[in-house]
């Protein structure tokens, strides 16, 4: 007899075995959930309470910045998913903002920060 616990276990095992979503999707989700309506003080609290999600966000952001994106992508995710006003609507300005975000997150994570991405 199959029980609900068996179904749940199978569901969670399948999710664990599934491939990770693409970096752009993970970065967008991270920005919407942790950055969109946040400020640095709230984000510092999230770093302590959601370390794994913050690490995944850093890695996703660094991955999309290290690979070519469709023009306007970085600006779009910062402006819309991150809910941040930038001085102009260029990917270069958005990349600088994202870089500062990852630097701050790494600093707040301290010893728990992920290894730096090798270019």
Protein backbone atom coordinates (compact mmCIF):
# COMPACT_ATOMS: atom_id res chain seq x y z
CA UNK A 1 0.00 0.00 0.00
CA UNK A 2 1.36 3.40 -1.00
CA UNK A 3 0.96 6.09 1.63
CA UNK A 4 1.07 9.86 1.47
CA UNK A 5 4.51 9.73 3.11
CA UNK A 6 5.74 7.53 0.24
CA UNK A 7 4.34 10.00 -2.30
CA UNK A 8 5.98 12.93 -0.52
CA UNK A 9 9.30 11.12 -0.28
CA UNK A 10 9.19 10.27 -3.99
CA UNK A 11 8.29 13.87 -4.83
CA UNK A 12 11.16 15.30 -2.79
CA UNK A 13 13.65 12.76 -4.11
CA UNK A 14 12.64 13.65 -7.67
CA UNK A 15 13.08 17.36 -6.95
CA UNK A 16 16.51 16.76 -5.45
CA UNK A 17 17.56 14.74 -8.49
CA UNK A 18 16.22 17.31 -10.98
CA UNK A 19 18.71 19.65 -12.64
CA UNK A 20 19.01 23.14 -11.24
CA UNK A 21 17.12 25.88 -13.13
CA UNK A 22 19.20 28.10 -15.44
CA UNK A 23 21.26 30.85 -13.80
CA UNK A 24 19.12 33.65 -15.25
CA UNK A 25 15.96 32.16 -13.74
CA UNK A 26 17.69 31.68 -10.38
CA UNK A 27 19.05 35.25 -10.41
CA UNK A 28 15.62 36.67 -11.25
CA UNK A 29 13.99 34.67 -8.46
CA UNK A 30 16.67 35.75 -6.00
CA UNK A 31 16.28 39.43 -6.87
CA UNK A 32 12.48 39.27 -6.68
CA UNK A 33 12.42 37.44 -3.36
CA UNK A 34 15.37 38.95 -1.46
CA UNK A 35 16.11 42.33 -3.07
CA UNK A 36 12.89 43.73 -4.61
CA UNK A 37 11.37 45.31 -1.48
CA UNK A 38 14.43 45.14 0.72
CA UNK A 39 17.13 47.44 1.99
CA UNK A 40 20.69 46.58 3.09
CA UNK A 41 19.70 46.05 6.73
CA UNK A 42 16.92 43.59 5.85
CA UNK A 43 19.20 41.84 3.39
CA UNK A 44 21.82 41.40 6.12
CA UNK A 45 19.17 39.59 8.21
CA UNK A 46 18.31 37.37 5.23
CA UNK A 47 22.00 36.51 4.85
CA UNK A 48 22.00 35.07 8.36
CA UNK A 49 18.62 33.31 8.03
CA UNK A 50 18.76 32.08 4.42
CA UNK A 51 22.44 31.42 3.80
CA UNK A 52 21.96 28.70 1.17
CA UNK A 53 19.56 30.85 -0.88
CA UNK A 54 21.93 33.82 -0.69
CA UNK A 55 24.84 31.68 -1.84
CA UNK A 56 22.77 30.38 -4.75
CA UNK A 57 21.83 33.97 -5.63
CA UNK A 58 25.47 35.07 -5.64
CA UNK A 59 26.46 32.14 -7.84
CA UNK A 60 23.57 32.74 -10.26
CA UNK A 61 24.32 36.46 -10.58
CA UNK A 62 28.03 35.83 -11.12
CA UNK A 63 27.24 33.18 -13.73
CA UNK A 64 25.00 35.46 -15.77
CA UNK A 65 27.54 38.27 -15.56
CA UNK A 66 30.28 35.93 -16.80
CA UNK A 67 28.32 34.76 -19.85
CA UNK A 68 26.98 36.83 -22.74
CA UNK A 69 23.37 37.87 -22.28
CA UNK A 70 20.82 39.34 -24.67
CA UNK A 71 21.32 43.13 -24.63
CA UNK A 72 19.16 44.73 -21.96
CA UNK A 73 18.91 41.61 -19.80
CA UNK A 74 21.04 42.85 -16.90
CA UNK A 75 19.27 46.20 -16.86
CA UNK A 76 15.87 44.49 -16.92
CA UNK A 77 16.54 42.16 -14.00
CA UNK A 78 17.96 44.98 -11.85
CA UNK A 79 15.18 47.44 -12.72
CA UNK A 80 12.23 45.06 -12.60
CA UNK A 81 13.07 42.00 -10.52
CA UNK A 82 15.43 43.94 -8.25
CA UNK A 83 13.19 47.04 -8.22
CA UNK A 84 16.16 49.40 -8.40
CA UNK A 85 16.44 52.74 -10.16
CA UNK A 86 19.73 53.16 -11.98
CA UNK A 87 21.38 56.32 -13.30
CA UNK A 88 20.88 55.05 -16.86
CA UNK A 89 19.34 52.08 -18.64
CA UNK A 90 22.52 50.28 -19.70
CA UNK A 91 23.71 46.78 -18.96
CA UNK A 92 27.06 48.24 -17.86
CA UNK A 93 25.42 50.22 -15.06
CA UNK A 94 23.32 47.21 -14.09
CA UNK A 95 26.43 45.00 -14.07
CA UNK A 96 28.19 47.45 -11.74
CA UNK A 97 25.17 47.40 -9.41
CA UNK A 98 25.04 43.59 -9.46
CA UNK A 99 28.79 43.41 -8.79
CA UNK A 100 28.42 45.66 -5.74
CA UNK A 101 25.50 43.53 -4.54
CA UNK A 102 27.56 40.33 -4.75
CA UNK A 103 30.53 41.99 -3.04
CA UNK A 104 28.28 43.15 -0.18
CA UNK A 105 26.64 39.71 0.12
CA UNK A 106 30.04 37.99 0.22
CA UNK A 107 31.19 40.40 2.92
CA UNK A 108 28.07 39.76 5.02
CA UNK A 109 28.42 35.99 4.56
CA UNK A 110 32.03 36.12 5.75
CA UNK A 111 33.52 32.64 6.02
CA UNK A 112 30.36 31.14 4.50
CA UNK A 113 30.74 33.00 1.20
CA UNK A 114 31.10 30.73 -1.84
CA UNK A 115 34.48 30.49 -3.58
CA UNK A 116 35.09 33.29 -6.07
CA UNK A 117 34.10 32.44 -9.64
CA UNK A 118 37.07 31.72 -11.88
CA UNK A 119 36.82 33.63 -15.17
